[in-house]
């Protein structure tokens, strides 16, 4: 079996109900029984079954997220009290309509850096028979086997991609509608997450919006701001999670420039989609910067090196007149039909 440790908790609807007691839980012994076999199947197949990309949402503008911190603690300590904190978080996020549930926190070997969290609805009739006190394994099996095919799950797995567990994948086998793939309370309220674009998708969308905004505006000031933003993008932390609008704020674009960029986002519904900035992907779509002067001259260099290649001097008499100077050895010359 791939699972090495499993913690289980009985949770109640506790949203806006401070009187609800903390969850009760137990650790499930790993054996060849039906419960462990089914949980092992969910754990081992999670990378294929959990096919909806999600991402933790940074809180209060900081690169922090409470749910992520609790999941990181589970992976680090592999202890019941760490898993219990997460189960209480689920209970506080669950409204009355969602009902009682069994929550399973499944871990593999320590070097797997993988956790699968699954929620199964609990039959109220069975729960009513629960004895007071600690949650027993036999009770967990009794409740679980009544609803073993209807569940919500999320998988987080660490790796070498620099993601630091900011993103994961989810599935909801209790919802049949493709329009609403995962219950909001499970993703938004419990996990403090949102659906995400991949790093490459989000970064490409940003780059294309910058290019479109640059080509469509008539304002020289807006063009200059957007061009500078593309140059300064290389200084953004590669682990930063943001929307395109937040990118504009980070680089202090004026409202006019921000409107030009956000209005160029295609499709528009992805404007608030969060993504992790990918320097490599950005460079694939915005590699060079070109400046055309009214005297017919065109200057071009890699975005990251433009300011190093050309020295710029603005005229004291007319700020719209700029003098560029550069020096270097000629390595190529070409004649072209067009620009």
Foldseek 3Di string as FASTA:
>chain_A
DQWDWKKKWKAWQAAVNPPDDQIFIDIDDQDDDPVNVLVVVCQVCVVPQQDFKKFADDPPPDNDHPLQVLVVVCLVVVDPVSVSVLRRQLNNLGHNVQGMWMWMWTDGDSVFQKIKIKIWHFDPVLVVPDDPDHDDPVSVVVRCVVTVQFMKMKMFTDDDPPQSRRMTGIAGRNDDDPVCGDDCSVACRSNNMGGADEQLVQLLLQLQLLVQLLVPDPDPVLNVLSLVLLQCVVVDPQNDKAFSLVSCVVSVPDPVNSCSSLVSGPPNVCRRHIYGHDPVSSCVRQFKDWDADPVGDIDMDGSNCVCVAWPWDADPVDRVDIDIDGDDDDDDDDDDPDD
